C-alpha atoms as a PDB file:
ATOM      1  CA  MET A   1       0.045  -0.091   0.072  1.00  0.00           C
ATOM      2  CA  PRO A   2       1.513   3.363  -0.976  1.00  0.00           C
ATOM      3  CA  HIS A   3       2.535   6.168   1.141  1.00  0.00           C
ATOM      4  CA  ALA A   4       0.202   8.870   1.566  1.00  0.00           C
ATOM      5  CA  THR A   5       1.756  12.408   1.337  1.00  0.00           C
ATOM      6  CA  PRO A   6       0.624  14.278   4.264  1.00  0.00           C
ATOM      7  CA  GLU A   7      -1.562  17.264   3.622  1.00  0.00           C
ATOM      8  CA  PRO A   8       0.243  20.771   4.175  1.00  0.00           C
ATOM      9  CA  SER A   9      -1.685  21.761   7.439  1.00  0.00           C
ATOM     10  CA  THR A  10      -0.457  18.216   8.583  1.00  0.00           C
ATOM     11  CA  ASP A  11       3.179  19.022   7.893  1.00  0.00           C
ATOM     12  CA  LEU A  12       5.060  19.107  11.052  1.00  0.00           C
ATOM     13  CA  VAL A  13       8.190  20.348  12.232  1.00  0.00           C
ATOM     14  CA  THR A  14      10.665  20.403  15.030  1.00  0.00           C
ATOM     15  CA  VAL A  15      11.372  23.512  17.324  1.00  0.00           C
ATOM     16  CA  ALA A  16      14.416  23.417  15.483  1.00  0.00           C
ATOM     17  CA  GLU A  17      13.722  23.590  12.031  1.00  0.00           C
ATOM     18  CA  ALA A  18      10.506  26.124  12.366  1.00  0.00           C
ATOM     19  CA  ALA A  19      13.081  28.418  14.602  1.00  0.00           C
ATOM     20  CA  ARG A  20      15.804  28.393  11.316  1.00  0.00           C
ATOM     21  CA  THR A  21      12.680  29.023   9.128  1.00  0.00           C
ATOM     22  CA  LEU A  22      11.757  32.244  10.918  1.00  0.00           C
ATOM     23  CA  ARG A  23      15.617  33.224  11.615  1.00  0.00           C
ATOM     24  CA  VAL A  24      14.809  33.351  15.668  1.00  0.00           C
ATOM     25  CA  THR A  25      16.614  31.322  18.276  1.00  0.00           C
ATOM     26  CA  GLU A  26      15.071  28.131  19.785  1.00  0.00           C
ATOM     27  CA  ARG A  27      14.655  30.011  22.991  1.00  0.00           C
ATOM     28  CA  CYS A  28      12.500  32.498  21.380  1.00  0.00           C
ATOM     29  CA  LEU A  29      10.162  30.092  19.824  1.00  0.00           C
ATOM     30  CA  ARG A  30       9.786  28.104  22.583  1.00  0.00           C
ATOM     31  CA  GLY A  31       8.783  31.188  24.733  1.00  0.00           C
ATOM     32  CA  TRP A  32       5.994  32.080  21.958  1.00  0.00           C
ATOM     33  CA  ILE A  33       5.044  28.172  22.553  1.00  0.00           C
ATOM     34  CA  ALA A  34       4.865  28.526  26.101  1.00  0.00           C
ATOM     35  CA  ASP A  35       2.870  32.041  25.672  1.00  0.00           C
ATOM     36  CA  GLY A  36       0.430  30.337  23.337  1.00  0.00           C
ATOM     37  CA  THR A  37       1.748  32.788  20.330  1.00  0.00           C
ATOM     38  CA  VAL A  38       2.648  29.529  18.590  1.00  0.00           C
ATOM     39  CA  PRO A  39       0.687  26.319  18.857  1.00  0.00           C
ATOM     40  CA  ALA A  40       2.670  23.238  19.406  1.00  0.00           C
ATOM     41  CA  TYR A  41       2.070  19.641  19.697  1.00  0.00           C
ATOM     42  CA  ARG A  42       3.666  17.430  21.657  1.00  0.00           C
ATOM     43  CA  ILE A  43       4.443  13.528  20.583  1.00  0.00           C
ATOM     44  CA  GLY A  44       5.329  11.201  23.320  1.00  0.00           C
ATOM     45  CA  GLU A  45       7.078  12.694  26.506  1.00  0.00           C
ATOM     46  CA  LYS A  46       9.648  14.879  25.150  1.00  0.00           C
ATOM     47  CA  ALA A  47       8.798  15.504  20.990  1.00  0.00           C
ATOM     48  CA  ILE A  48       7.407  19.224  20.299  1.00  0.00           C
ATOM     49  CA  ARG A  49       6.025  19.736  16.959  1.00  0.00           C
ATOM     50  CA  ILE A  50       4.749  22.653  15.146  1.00  0.00           C
ATOM     51  CA  LYS A  51       2.469  22.471  12.243  1.00  0.00           C
ATOM     52  CA  ARG A  52       4.545  24.501   9.097  1.00  0.00           C
ATOM     53  CA  CYS A  53       0.944  26.465   8.329  1.00  0.00           C
ATOM     54  CA  ASP A  54       1.030  27.745  11.598  1.00  0.00           C
ATOM     55  CA  LEU A  55       4.230  29.090  11.039  1.00  0.00           C
ATOM     56  CA  GLN A  56       3.134  31.361   7.919  1.00  0.00           C
ATOM     57  CA  VAL A  57       0.561  33.454  10.592  1.00  0.00           C
ATOM     58  CA  LEU A  58       3.558  34.744  12.592  1.00  0.00           C
ATOM     59  CA  LEU A  59       4.459  36.419   9.156  1.00  0.00           C
ATOM     60  CA  GLN A  60       3.205  39.794   8.987  1.00  0.00           C
ATOM     61  CA  PRO A  61       3.859  42.616   6.379  1.00  0.00           C
ATOM     62  CA  VAL A  62       5.511  45.466   8.093  1.00  0.00           C
ATOM     63  CA  ALA A  63       3.604  48.541   7.646  1.00  0.00           C
ATOM     64  CA  ALA A  64       4.895  51.561   5.527  1.00  0.00           C
ATOM     65  CA  ARG A  65       5.568  55.206   7.338  1.00  0.00           C
END
């Protein structure tokens, strides 16, 4: 049976991958996870994953002055 390609909404990345994508430190990203700014999902006891589509929500255009 062939493997299904994950839907973009369920494409999960690690904290390290997400931090690199956003060009912030893992510590900064973990703070955003802790305060609820970034939704994250625990897999097992230690692994934390973030949906790639949730990272796009953080990217906001800067308003012109």
